[in-house]
Every structure is written in C-alpha cells, then in structure tokens.
Amino acid sequence: METIAVQGLTFGYLKASGHRVLREMRTSFDRRDITLITGPSGCGKSTLLYLMAGIYPQSAGFIEAGQVRVEGRDPAVMPPWQRCRLVGMLFQNPDLQFCMDTLENELIFCLENVDAPREEIGPIIDRALAFCEIEHLRRRALSTLSGGEKQRAMLCCLVALRPRWLLLDEPFANLDDATARSLALKIAQLHREQGVGVVAVDHRVHSWVGLAERMCVLAPDGTPAADLPGPGQVPPEQLWQLGVSGPGQHYRTDMPVVAAANDTPVLELFDVAVHYGDRPVLRGVNARLFGGRTYAIVGDSGCGKTTLFAALSGIVRAEGQILLCGQDLQKRRRQLVGRIGFVTQSPQDQFVADTVLGEIEVSLRRQGPPEQAAQRAEEILREIGLYKYRRLSPYMLSQGQQRRLGVAALLAYDCQVLVADEPTYAQDLQNTLAVMEALHRQVRQRGIALLMSTHDRQLAHDYADLLFSLEGGVLREIDRSCL
C-alpha cells in the first residue's frame, strides 16, 4: 500500500470557534506520482500537509472526524525518529525547522537523530550537498543565507534523511524561476531514481510543467474542487477559472504607463555596500526613486535583494549614503520614523497587536479620530480579503494570509516610501491581484514610491513602472522586454 489516504477528514484549530479548515475531505496520493496541490490562500493546503506529516494534531488543532494514513500507518502516533524516515516535510518558512548554526552541523544533527552510523554520516552529507548543488553553503551560518538558500538547505537535510515521502510547502516561494525549475528537476530525479513520493503545495504551477502527473485543486472551504492532470496539460483558461495562474498568463492586460516623476526624489542611494564578514553582498548600489512610481527588483535567489531592504531598515550596517526625503537615513533614522514602511519576508516578526483588526488600527491610530480609524481599518481588511478574520490573532492565519496582513498594515501607514519584500509570496491568483491592485492604488492616489522585490517576473512586468535587476551586488535598470 504505497499511498497516503485521507478518509473523511474534518479538522479545526479551535473547537469553540466552529470554524473547520478541512471538512469531510476524501482523497489519496500515490507514491508513483508527483502530485501538486493548489488553491486559494487559507483553504487548508498547508494544514493538510501538516496532518500527513504527523505534526498535527499533536502540535495544534484537533481531528473532529476521519483519519490520515501514510502507507497504512498513522504518522501522528509514530516516534519522530521513525516518522522522519516515512515522511519528510519542508515548511513554507524553513527558519522554523533549523536547530543548529551551520548547514553542516544541521545535517549532522539530523542524521544523529535517526542513529545513522558515524562512519556513514560524512559520505551521506557529501552526497546530499552534491545532489542539491549547494556544496558552497556547507559551512555558512544558516542565519546569513537568503530565503531561497534556506529552502535548498532544508531540502538537503530531507535528501540526507531519505524519507519515503517528501511533503513540500511552497518550496519555490523564495526562488527565482530558473532555480525553481532546477530544483523541481532535482526533486523529480529523486522521485524517479529512488521512488520517493512527492506531494507539493504550490501556487507557482509553471515550475512543475512536465514533472507533476496530477494536480489537486482545493476550494476555499477546504474540499477538493478539481482533480486534474499536471500543469501544461490543462488549458490556462481553465486554471484561471479555478483561481490558479497558469504558465505564461498575464496578471493584467493594460500595461502600466510610467508616471511622470516628481521634481525631487524621495529615496536616493549612493554607493551602498554591505559585507557579511569578508564576503561582499552589495558592491555599490545607486538609485533614485520618485513618488508616484512602482519600482520592482528582480534577481537570482541570494543576490542581495533582502539584504538591500535590510540596509534600508537599519537591520544591517551599510556603507555609502541613503537619503530619505533629502535627509541622511542612517544618521537621522529616529527623526524619520514613519516616512518609510516595510513588509519583510517574515511579516509575523512585525506583528504587535492581539487581533488582525488591531494590527491595522495600530498603524492608523495617529492619523485621525478613532471612528475614522475604525472605518478605514475595515475598508483595508475588506480590500485585502481578511475582514472575516478580523477578530483572530495574526498568528492563527496561514502564512499567505499573514503576508497579506503585513501588506494591509503597510497600506495603513502614512509614509512616503513603501518597501515590500516579495509582497505576493504564497498568494493565490485572486489575492495576488488584490494585493497588487491595493498597492497600485496607494502609489497613484497618495503619490508614494513603492519599492518591491519579486521572483515573479510576470508580476514585475505587469505592475512596475521601472524595473531593476540586482546582479553581482550591483543594481541596474533593465528594459521591460528583458523579462
């Protein structure tokens, strides 16, 4: 029996709420297939993987009815050292999985926990690093890796453990298209040569064209909406109707007209450089950003996009000069508080309120009477599709919903510059459009400058007024036709 069987499964996080993430779900996954699960953000895709991995309901939530069986076994009752040989899971946020300081030590830790013979640990690590093509990351501190590098590092740990099933939650969310495709080919090789079953949750279905044999689309209520062949075998129009962005699909047909620049730039960068130890990440970044425009930065995974944003926020020390509204940001950061807003790759690290509604109201509190703030907070949450979750804690949202909340809080911010690191990360088609249209309106109506990074080149093509590429630590403007 080489299947994962989901039999009449109903699951929720809080009994008292009455809300059930999955309702009477019945489906199965065959180890001979690579199966792609997609569907709206918050419909229970990640929850389903956590249940198949045996993490839920031990760690959170409750099963009200039904069961999950992996090759006839209940993963939730298996000891971890046995379970990780049966199922291995890659989280949306790999930071939540790391225990050690370097990748090499993380790999050793993983193998020691499954009682691998000491003499075999070194060769296993060598093979796993070579397979994932990340030998150069072996002794790097995990804290210095980019989001995409962390995902590859965690996948390397799973390759070393050699489970019978790989469960992947948005495995390419922080990767550029070329790296995502390369990694998908590696996963397919693992499936083909070692018989590893693969179930992947992904909104970026184009990375799996020709590799995934099956695509399971979930409905907003956590029930299967469609069972289809793999991407590339389904017309893009059919995927679009199901809320899935197919290969080569535009997000909008009306290409942006570059807005006229204001006379004075709101953000200027002069020879900005950042080093991690003796390793240069940014080598001299120069740019001038004007209000009323959207700027998108693309580039390979690990090229320094997040590092650049960290330099703007003051998280990392940078050389050179950064001027915000004509003032030195690095010298006058306290005086310039409120003029620049950020959405990071991990927005949950920024939450300060007990509820989703409260998170928006915090940003609005100083901008007018309380009744106006309450009305505006409701408008923002409805615009971004989170109003029905307004009474929940931000930490009860899915990671895709948390990202939307981070963007929503940014929309409530009264500032001149918005900086968004992958604002559509882990979003379905509908919510990607909602996020980008909301940001686009802020840029046009309030005359702010939006600086965003993205691995979705189609998104950059369709929404940005001006495009930049970050290569070799240098930022350069590129033509739209290059995407």
Protein backbone atom coordinates (compact mmCIF):
# COMPACT_ATOMS: atom_id res chain seq x y z
CA MET A 1 0.00 0.00 0.00
CA GLU A 2 2.07 2.92 -1.31
CA THR A 3 -0.46 5.68 -0.77
CA ILE A 4 -1.40 8.47 1.58
CA ALA A 5 -5.11 8.12 2.29
CA VAL A 6 -7.24 10.98 3.63
CA GLN A 7 -10.54 9.50 4.76
CA GLY A 8 -13.47 11.74 5.68
CA LEU A 9 -11.16 14.22 7.41
CA THR A 10 -12.57 17.18 9.33
CA PHE A 11 -10.01 19.34 11.14
CA GLY A 12 -10.06 22.63 13.01
CA TYR A 13 -7.83 24.68 15.28
CA LEU A 14 -10.35 25.86 17.92
CA LYS A 15 -13.41 23.81 18.83
CA ALA A 16 -15.28 26.80 20.23
CA SER A 17 -14.94 28.83 17.02
CA GLY A 18 -16.98 26.41 14.93
CA HIS A 19 -14.61 27.04 12.01
CA ARG A 20 -13.19 23.90 10.38
CA VAL A 21 -10.28 24.28 7.99
CA LEU A 22 -10.92 20.92 6.30
CA ARG A 23 -14.39 19.36 6.04
CA GLU A 24 -15.01 15.68 5.26
CA MET A 25 -12.05 15.59 2.92
CA ARG A 26 -11.55 12.39 0.98
CA THR A 27 -8.58 11.98 -1.31
CA SER A 28 -5.45 9.90 -1.76
CA PHE A 29 -1.94 10.29 -3.12
CA ASP A 30 0.03 7.60 -4.94
CA ARG A 31 3.77 7.28 -4.34
CA ARG A 32 4.26 6.65 -8.07
CA ASP A 33 3.09 10.20 -8.84
CA ILE A 34 4.31 13.73 -8.25
CA THR A 35 1.16 15.46 -7.06
CA LEU A 36 0.66 19.21 -6.93
CA ILE A 37 -1.87 20.72 -4.50
CA THR A 38 -3.03 24.25 -5.24
CA GLY A 39 -5.96 26.51 -4.47
CA PRO A 40 -6.88 29.72 -2.62
CA SER A 41 -4.73 31.01 0.25
CA GLY A 42 -6.12 29.82 3.57
CA CYS A 43 -8.08 26.89 2.14
CA GLY A 44 -6.11 24.33 4.17
CA LYS A 45 -3.31 23.22 1.84
CA SER A 46 -0.53 23.63 4.42
CA THR A 47 -2.78 22.21 7.15
CA LEU A 48 -3.28 19.07 5.07
CA LEU A 49 0.48 18.63 4.70
CA TYR A 50 0.99 19.06 8.46
CA LEU A 51 -1.58 16.32 9.07
CA MET A 52 0.07 14.00 6.55
CA ALA A 53 3.43 14.68 8.20
CA GLY A 54 2.04 13.75 11.63
CA ILE A 55 2.75 17.21 13.07
CA TYR A 56 -0.96 17.90 13.56
CA PRO A 57 -2.96 17.25 15.69
CA GLN A 58 -0.17 16.66 18.24
CA SER A 59 1.17 20.21 17.91
CA ALA A 60 -2.04 22.10 17.12
CA GLY A 61 -5.72 21.67 16.38
CA PHE A 62 -7.96 18.61 16.56
CA ILE A 63 -9.37 15.97 14.23
CA GLU A 64 -13.15 16.02 14.57
CA ALA A 65 -13.76 13.14 12.18
CA GLY A 66 -11.90 10.88 9.78
CA GLN A 67 -8.22 9.99 9.62
CA VAL A 68 -4.95 10.21 7.69
CA ARG A 69 -2.91 7.11 6.93
CA VAL A 70 0.52 7.06 5.29
CA GLU A 71 1.07 3.62 3.78
CA GLY A 72 -1.40 2.26 6.32
CA ARG A 73 0.18 3.96 9.34
CA ASP A 74 -0.93 6.89 11.48
CA PRO A 75 2.04 9.31 11.35
CA ALA A 76 0.81 11.26 14.38
CA VAL A 77 1.45 8.37 16.78
CA MET A 78 4.85 7.39 15.41
CA PRO A 79 8.01 8.46 17.29
CA PRO A 80 9.81 11.27 15.42
CA TRP A 81 12.88 9.18 14.55
CA GLN A 82 10.64 6.64 12.79
CA ARG A 83 8.26 9.17 11.28
CA CYS A 84 11.01 11.18 9.55
CA ARG A 85 12.03 8.03 7.66
CA LEU A 86 8.46 7.72 6.39
CA VAL A 87 7.59 11.39 5.71
CA GLY A 88 9.79 14.46 5.45
CA MET A 89 8.30 17.95 5.22
CA LEU A 90 9.71 21.25 4.01
CA PHE A 91 7.90 24.17 5.70
CA GLN A 92 6.98 27.44 3.99
CA ASN A 93 9.37 29.10 6.44
CA PRO A 94 12.48 26.87 6.79
CA ASP A 95 13.72 29.05 9.67
CA LEU A 96 11.20 27.18 11.82
CA GLN A 97 13.00 23.88 11.15
CA PHE A 98 16.65 24.70 11.74
CA CYS A 99 18.24 23.82 15.10
CA MET A 100 21.97 24.36 14.52
CA ASP A 101 24.26 27.19 13.39
CA THR A 102 25.60 25.91 10.07
CA LEU A 103 24.24 23.65 7.35
CA GLU A 104 26.90 21.01 8.00
CA ASN A 105 26.02 20.88 11.70
CA GLU A 106 22.31 20.78 10.85
CA LEU A 107 22.91 17.76 8.61
CA ILE A 108 24.95 16.02 11.32
CA PHE A 109 22.20 16.75 13.85
CA CYS A 110 19.53 15.26 11.55
CA LEU A 111 21.50 12.08 10.92
CA GLU A 112 22.46 11.57 14.55
CA ASN A 113 18.80 11.78 15.49
CA VAL A 114 17.98 8.79 13.27
CA ASP A 115 21.00 6.89 14.65
CA ALA A 116 22.96 6.87 11.38
CA PRO A 117 26.30 5.04 11.79
CA ARG A 118 29.05 7.56 12.50
CA GLU A 119 31.25 6.35 9.64
CA GLU A 120 28.38 6.88 7.16
CA ILE A 121 27.46 10.43 8.18
CA GLY A 122 30.24 12.17 6.23
CA PRO A 123 29.56 10.39 2.90
CA ILE A 124 25.78 10.90 3.27
CA ILE A 125 26.33 14.63 3.79
CA ASP A 126 28.66 14.83 0.80
CA ARG A 127 26.09 13.13 -1.45
CA ALA A 128 23.20 15.29 -0.21
CA LEU A 129 25.13 18.54 -0.73
CA ALA A 130 26.24 17.44 -4.19
CA PHE A 131 22.73 16.37 -5.16
CA CYS A 132 21.29 19.76 -4.16
CA GLU A 133 24.33 21.56 -5.68
CA ILE A 134 24.98 23.63 -2.55
CA GLU A 135 28.44 22.43 -1.50
CA HIS A 136 29.43 26.10 -1.20
CA LEU A 137 26.88 26.56 1.62
CA ARG A 138 28.28 23.72 3.73
CA ARG A 139 29.91 25.83 6.44
CA ARG A 140 27.89 29.01 6.02
CA ALA A 141 25.94 30.25 9.04
CA LEU A 142 22.27 29.50 8.36
CA SER A 143 21.35 32.97 9.60
CA THR A 144 23.29 34.53 6.68
CA LEU A 145 21.51 32.56 3.94
CA SER A 146 18.85 34.09 1.73
CA GLY A 147 15.30 32.75 1.88
CA GLY A 148 15.87 30.66 -1.23
CA GLU A 149 19.18 29.29 0.05
CA LYS A 150 17.48 28.27 3.31
CA GLN A 151 14.85 26.34 1.37
CA ARG A 152 17.55 24.48 -0.55
CA ALA A 153 19.43 23.83 2.70
CA MET A 154 16.35 22.30 4.31
CA LEU A 155 15.69 20.19 1.23
CA CYS A 156 19.28 18.97 1.52
CA CYS A 157 18.50 17.76 5.07
CA LEU A 158 15.50 15.84 3.76
CA VAL A 159 17.57 14.31 0.97
CA ALA A 160 20.07 13.12 3.59
CA LEU A 161 17.30 11.52 5.69
CA ARG A 162 15.81 9.76 2.63
CA PRO A 163 12.13 9.54 3.64
CA ARG A 164 9.69 7.53 1.55
CA TRP A 165 7.58 10.68 1.03
CA LEU A 166 8.50 14.33 0.50
CA LEU A 167 5.88 16.90 1.52
CA LEU A 168 6.79 20.34 0.18
CA ASP A 169 5.01 23.51 1.29
CA GLU A 170 5.59 26.32 -1.24
CA PRO A 171 9.12 25.03 -1.94
CA PHE A 172 9.90 27.69 -4.56
CA ALA A 173 8.33 30.76 -2.93
CA ASN A 174 11.73 32.40 -2.39
CA LEU A 175 13.42 31.17 -5.56
CA ASP A 176 13.86 32.72 -8.97
CA ASP A 177 12.28 30.86 -11.88
CA ALA A 178 15.50 29.25 -13.14
CA THR A 179 16.48 27.98 -9.69
CA ALA A 180 12.92 26.82 -9.00
CA ARG A 181 12.87 24.81 -12.21
CA SER A 182 16.31 23.36 -11.48
CA LEU A 183 15.19 22.28 -8.02
CA ALA A 184 11.95 20.82 -9.39
CA LEU A 185 14.03 18.72 -11.78
CA LYS A 186 16.13 17.54 -8.83
CA ILE A 187 13.01 16.53 -6.92
CA ALA A 188 11.72 14.70 -9.99
CA GLN A 189 15.08 12.90 -10.23
CA LEU A 190 14.78 11.87 -6.59
CA HIS A 191 11.27 10.60 -7.29
CA ARG A 192 12.33 8.74 -10.41
CA GLU A 193 15.57 7.15 -9.14
CA GLN A 194 14.71 6.47 -5.50
CA GLY A 195 10.95 6.05 -5.66
CA VAL A 196 10.24 8.92 -3.29
CA GLY A 197 6.60 10.00 -3.27
CA VAL A 198 6.17 13.76 -3.74
CA VAL A 199 3.23 15.94 -2.69
CA ALA A 200 3.85 19.66 -3.17
CA VAL A 201 1.72 22.66 -2.26
CA ASP A 202 2.46 25.42 -4.75
CA HIS A 203 0.83 28.43 -6.36
CA ARG A 204 3.60 28.63 -8.97
CA VAL A 205 2.41 25.69 -11.03
CA HIS A 206 4.58 26.55 -14.05
CA SER A 207 7.66 25.19 -12.21
CA TRP A 208 6.10 21.70 -12.38
CA VAL A 209 5.19 21.59 -16.07
CA GLY A 210 6.12 18.18 -17.47
CA LEU A 211 7.00 16.86 -13.98
CA ALA A 212 3.80 16.64 -11.94
CA GLU A 213 1.41 13.95 -13.12
CA ARG A 214 -1.55 15.20 -11.09
CA MET A 215 -2.92 18.49 -9.82
CA CYS A 216 -5.40 18.61 -6.94
CA VAL A 217 -7.19 21.98 -6.64
CA LEU A 218 -8.84 22.78 -3.29
CA ALA A 219 -11.88 25.02 -2.85
CA PRO A 220 -11.99 27.86 -0.29
CA ASP A 221 -13.87 25.62 2.18
CA GLY A 222 -11.07 23.03 2.24
CA THR A 223 -12.70 20.45 -0.04
CA PRO A 224 -11.34 19.17 -3.37
CA ALA A 225 -12.63 21.38 -6.20
CA ALA A 226 -10.96 19.63 -9.14
CA ASP A 227 -8.66 16.69 -9.84
CA LEU A 228 -6.68 17.46 -12.98
CA PRO A 229 -3.68 16.26 -14.97
CA GLY A 230 -0.41 18.04 -14.31
CA PRO A 231 0.18 21.67 -15.33
CA GLY A 232 0.90 22.03 -19.01
CA GLN A 233 -1.85 19.51 -19.78
CA VAL A 234 -4.65 21.84 -18.66
CA PRO A 235 -5.68 24.93 -20.67
CA PRO A 236 -4.59 28.15 -18.91
CA GLU A 237 -8.15 29.45 -19.17
CA GLN A 238 -9.43 26.52 -17.11
CA LEU A 239 -6.78 27.13 -14.46
CA TRP A 240 -7.66 30.84 -14.38
CA GLN A 241 -11.32 29.98 -13.74
CA LEU A 242 -10.20 27.87 -10.77
CA GLY A 243 -8.17 30.78 -9.40
CA VAL A 244 -4.79 29.40 -10.49
CA SER A 245 -2.27 31.35 -12.57
CA GLY A 246 -1.17 29.17 -15.45
CA PRO A 247 2.09 29.28 -17.41
CA GLY A 248 2.51 32.49 -19.45
CA GLN A 249 -0.62 34.19 -18.10
CA HIS A 250 -0.61 37.99 -17.64
CA TYR A 251 -1.93 39.44 -14.38
CA ARG A 252 -3.26 42.46 -16.24
CA THR A 253 -3.67 43.35 -19.89
CA ASP A 254 -3.28 47.11 -19.56
CA MET A 255 0.44 47.69 -19.28
CA PRO A 256 1.44 50.45 -16.84
CA VAL A 257 2.12 53.91 -18.20
CA VAL A 258 5.18 55.31 -16.46
CA ALA A 259 4.03 58.09 -14.19
CA ALA A 260 5.61 61.50 -14.51
CA ALA A 261 8.33 61.86 -11.92
CA ASN A 262 8.14 64.49 -9.21
CA ASP A 263 10.89 67.07 -9.23
CA THR A 264 12.52 65.74 -6.04
CA PRO A 265 13.38 62.08 -5.36
CA VAL A 266 12.04 60.61 -2.12
CA LEU A 267 14.77 57.96 -1.79
CA GLU A 268 18.36 58.12 -3.04
CA LEU A 269 21.10 55.53 -2.72
CA PHE A 270 24.75 56.40 -3.29
CA ASP A 271 27.36 53.61 -3.42
CA VAL A 272 25.54 51.49 -0.84
CA ALA A 273 27.63 48.43 0.06
CA VAL A 274 27.13 45.60 2.56
CA HIS A 275 29.56 42.88 3.65
CA TYR A 276 28.89 39.75 5.69
CA GLY A 277 32.30 39.24 7.23
CA ASP A 278 34.71 39.35 4.30
CA ARG A 279 32.00 38.41 1.78
CA PRO A 280 30.61 41.34 -0.24
CA VAL A 281 26.86 41.16 -0.90
CA LEU A 282 26.21 44.68 -2.22
CA ARG A 283 29.10 46.35 -4.01
CA GLY A 284 27.89 49.87 -4.64
CA VAL A 285 24.17 50.30 -5.23
CA ASN A 286 22.98 53.57 -6.77
CA ALA A 287 19.37 54.56 -7.42
CA ARG A 288 16.92 57.48 -7.30
CA LEU A 289 13.25 56.80 -6.55
CA PHE A 290 10.41 59.26 -7.10
CA GLY A 291 6.92 59.41 -5.65
CA GLY A 292 4.00 58.06 -7.67
CA ARG A 293 6.00 55.20 -9.17
CA THR A 294 6.36 51.45 -8.60
CA TYR A 295 9.88 50.02 -8.76
CA ALA A 296 10.48 46.26 -8.94
CA ILE A 297 13.77 44.49 -8.27
CA VAL A 298 14.36 41.04 -9.76
CA GLY A 299 17.40 38.82 -9.50
CA ASP A 300 18.59 35.32 -8.70
CA SER A 301 17.97 33.81 -5.28
CA GLY A 302 20.63 35.03 -2.85
CA CYS A 303 21.65 38.02 -5.00
CA GLY A 304 21.10 40.51 -2.15
CA LYS A 305 17.56 41.86 -2.56
CA THR A 306 16.59 41.18 1.06
CA THR A 307 19.98 42.48 2.21
CA LEU A 308 19.33 45.76 0.40
CA PHE A 309 15.99 46.12 2.16
CA ALA A 310 17.64 45.24 5.48
CA ALA A 311 20.11 48.07 4.87
CA LEU A 312 17.20 50.47 4.26
CA SER A 313 15.54 49.37 7.50
CA GLY A 314 18.76 49.58 9.53
CA ILE A 315 18.87 45.85 10.34
CA VAL A 316 22.31 45.53 8.73
CA ARG A 317 25.09 48.08 8.64
CA ALA A 318 25.71 49.60 5.22
CA GLU A 319 28.45 51.74 3.75
CA GLY A 320 27.63 54.61 1.44
CA GLN A 321 24.75 57.06 1.81
CA ILE A 322 20.97 56.65 1.89
CA LEU A 323 18.86 59.81 1.66
CA LEU A 324 15.16 59.74 2.58
CA CYS A 325 13.38 62.95 1.62
CA GLY A 326 16.79 64.61 1.34
CA GLN A 327 17.96 63.58 4.84
CA ASP A 328 20.60 61.01 5.77
CA LEU A 329 18.56 57.97 6.81
CA GLN A 330 21.40 56.27 8.65
CA LYS A 331 22.15 59.32 10.79
CA ARG A 332 18.59 60.55 11.36
CA ARG A 333 16.60 57.28 11.48
CA ARG A 334 14.69 58.23 14.65
CA GLN A 335 13.65 61.59 13.26
CA LEU A 336 12.50 59.92 10.02
CA VAL A 337 10.38 57.23 11.69
CA GLY A 338 7.07 56.91 9.84
CA ARG A 339 8.29 58.11 6.46
CA ILE A 340 9.25 54.64 5.24
CA GLY A 341 7.25 51.42 5.74
CA PHE A 342 8.38 47.81 5.38
CA VAL A 343 6.90 44.37 4.71
CA THR A 344 9.56 41.74 5.38
CA GLN A 345 9.81 38.15 4.18
CA SER A 346 8.61 37.09 7.66
CA PRO A 347 5.82 39.57 8.49
CA GLN A 348 4.86 37.60 11.63
CA ASP A 349 8.03 39.03 13.19
CA GLN A 350 6.49 42.51 12.88
CA PHE A 351 3.07 41.90 14.44
CA VAL A 352 2.35 43.89 17.61
CA ALA A 353 -1.43 43.54 18.15
CA ASP A 354 -3.64 40.76 19.52
CA THR A 355 -6.04 40.73 16.57
CA VAL A 356 -5.94 41.20 12.81
CA LEU A 357 -8.09 44.32 13.16
CA GLY A 358 -5.85 45.68 15.91
CA GLU A 359 -2.80 45.28 13.69
CA ILE A 360 -4.31 47.68 11.17
CA GLU A 361 -5.57 50.09 13.81
CA VAL A 362 -2.07 50.43 15.28
CA SER A 363 -0.92 51.96 12.00
CA LEU A 364 -3.95 54.28 11.83
CA ARG A 365 -4.01 55.40 15.45
CA ARG A 366 -2.16 58.68 14.92
CA GLN A 367 -3.88 59.68 11.71
CA GLY A 368 -7.28 60.90 12.92
CA PRO A 369 -10.26 60.33 15.24
CA PRO A 370 -10.82 56.71 16.46
CA GLU A 371 -14.08 56.35 14.48
CA GLN A 372 -12.29 57.25 11.25
CA ALA A 373 -9.51 54.79 12.05
CA ALA A 374 -12.05 52.01 12.66
CA GLN A 375 -13.79 52.71 9.35
CA ARG A 376 -10.54 52.86 7.40
CA ALA A 377 -9.28 49.64 9.06
CA GLU A 378 -12.43 47.84 7.92
CA GLU A 379 -12.01 49.17 4.39
CA ILE A 380 -8.40 47.99 4.22
CA LEU A 381 -9.21 44.50 5.52
CA ARG A 382 -12.08 44.11 3.07
CA GLU A 383 -9.84 45.31 0.24
CA ILE A 384 -7.20 42.71 1.07
CA GLY A 385 -9.70 39.87 1.76
CA LEU A 386 -9.07 39.50 5.51
CA TYR A 387 -12.11 41.14 7.08
CA LYS A 388 -13.72 37.86 8.20
CA TYR A 389 -10.58 37.09 10.20
CA ARG A 390 -10.55 40.47 11.98
CA ARG A 391 -11.10 39.00 15.48
CA LEU A 392 -8.45 36.31 15.16
CA SER A 393 -4.87 36.54 16.34
CA PRO A 394 -2.48 37.29 13.45
CA TYR A 395 -0.62 34.11 14.39
CA MET A 396 -3.68 31.96 13.61
CA LEU A 397 -3.56 32.99 9.95
CA SER A 398 -1.87 30.95 7.26
CA GLN A 399 1.50 32.27 6.13
CA GLY A 400 -0.07 33.58 2.93
CA GLN A 401 -2.70 35.41 4.97
CA GLN A 402 -0.01 36.77 7.31
CA ARG A 403 1.77 38.19 4.29
CA ARG A 404 -1.43 39.92 3.21
CA LEU A 405 -1.87 41.32 6.72
CA GLY A 406 1.66 42.69 6.58
CA VAL A 407 0.82 44.41 3.30
CA ALA A 408 -2.50 45.67 4.72
CA ALA A 409 -0.72 47.21 7.72
CA LEU A 410 1.66 48.87 5.28
CA LEU A 411 -1.29 50.33 3.35
CA ALA A 412 -2.49 51.96 6.57
CA TYR A 413 0.90 53.56 7.13
CA ASP A 414 1.24 57.28 6.38
CA CYS A 415 4.62 57.31 4.69
CA GLN A 416 6.42 58.46 1.55
CA VAL A 417 8.12 55.16 0.66
CA LEU A 418 6.76 51.60 0.85
CA VAL A 419 9.31 48.77 0.79
CA ALA A 420 7.84 45.30 0.22
CA ASP A 421 9.95 42.13 0.11
CA GLU A 422 8.05 39.58 -2.01
CA PRO A 423 4.59 41.07 -1.28
CA THR A 424 2.76 38.28 -3.17
CA TYR A 425 4.67 35.39 -1.58
CA ALA A 426 2.40 32.32 -1.10
CA GLN A 427 -0.65 34.06 -2.58
CA ASP A 428 -3.22 32.52 -4.88
CA LEU A 429 -4.21 34.32 -8.09
CA GLN A 430 -7.15 36.25 -6.60
CA ASN A 431 -5.16 37.52 -3.62
CA THR A 432 -2.12 38.34 -5.75
CA LEU A 433 -4.36 40.59 -7.81
CA ALA A 434 -5.95 42.08 -4.66
CA VAL A 435 -2.55 42.85 -3.08
CA MET A 436 -1.09 44.39 -6.22
CA GLU A 437 -4.17 46.46 -7.05
CA ALA A 438 -4.27 47.79 -3.48
CA LEU A 439 -0.59 48.74 -3.63
CA HIS A 440 -1.02 50.23 -7.11
CA ARG A 441 -3.84 52.48 -5.86
CA GLN A 442 -1.72 53.72 -2.96
CA VAL A 443 1.07 54.63 -5.35
CA ARG A 444 -1.21 56.53 -7.71
CA GLN A 445 -3.56 58.17 -5.20
CA ARG A 446 -1.08 59.08 -2.46
CA GLY A 447 1.91 59.69 -4.67
CA ILE A 448 4.18 57.38 -2.69
CA ALA A 449 7.10 55.38 -4.06
CA LEU A 450 6.74 51.58 -3.92
CA LEU A 451 9.93 49.53 -3.99
CA MET A 452 9.30 45.79 -4.14
CA SER A 453 11.30 42.66 -4.80
CA THR A 454 9.81 39.67 -6.58
CA HIS A 455 10.79 36.41 -8.21
CA ASP A 456 7.64 36.60 -10.30
CA ARG A 457 8.93 38.28 -13.43
CA GLN A 458 5.48 38.36 -15.00
CA LEU A 459 4.22 40.30 -11.97
CA ALA A 460 7.12 42.76 -12.26
CA HIS A 461 6.45 43.14 -15.98
CA ASP A 462 2.73 43.81 -15.46
CA TYR A 463 2.85 46.20 -12.49
CA ALA A 464 6.18 48.02 -12.23
CA ASP A 465 6.79 51.42 -13.79
CA LEU A 466 10.55 50.86 -13.71
CA LEU A 467 12.49 47.63 -13.38
CA PHE A 468 15.83 46.86 -11.76
CA SER A 469 17.99 43.75 -11.76
CA LEU A 470 20.42 43.03 -8.91
CA GLU A 471 23.44 41.12 -10.18
CA GLY A 472 26.88 40.77 -8.65
CA GLY A 473 25.93 43.19 -5.90
CA VAL A 474 25.14 45.97 -8.40
CA LEU A 475 21.71 47.40 -9.22
CA ARG A 476 20.98 48.25 -12.83
CA GLU A 477 17.86 49.40 -14.65
CA ILE A 478 16.54 46.95 -17.25
CA ASP A 479 14.06 47.17 -20.08
CA ARG A 480 10.64 45.53 -19.73
CA SER A 481 11.33 43.41 -22.79
CA CYS A 482 14.12 41.64 -20.87
CA LEU A 483 11.59 39.91 -18.60
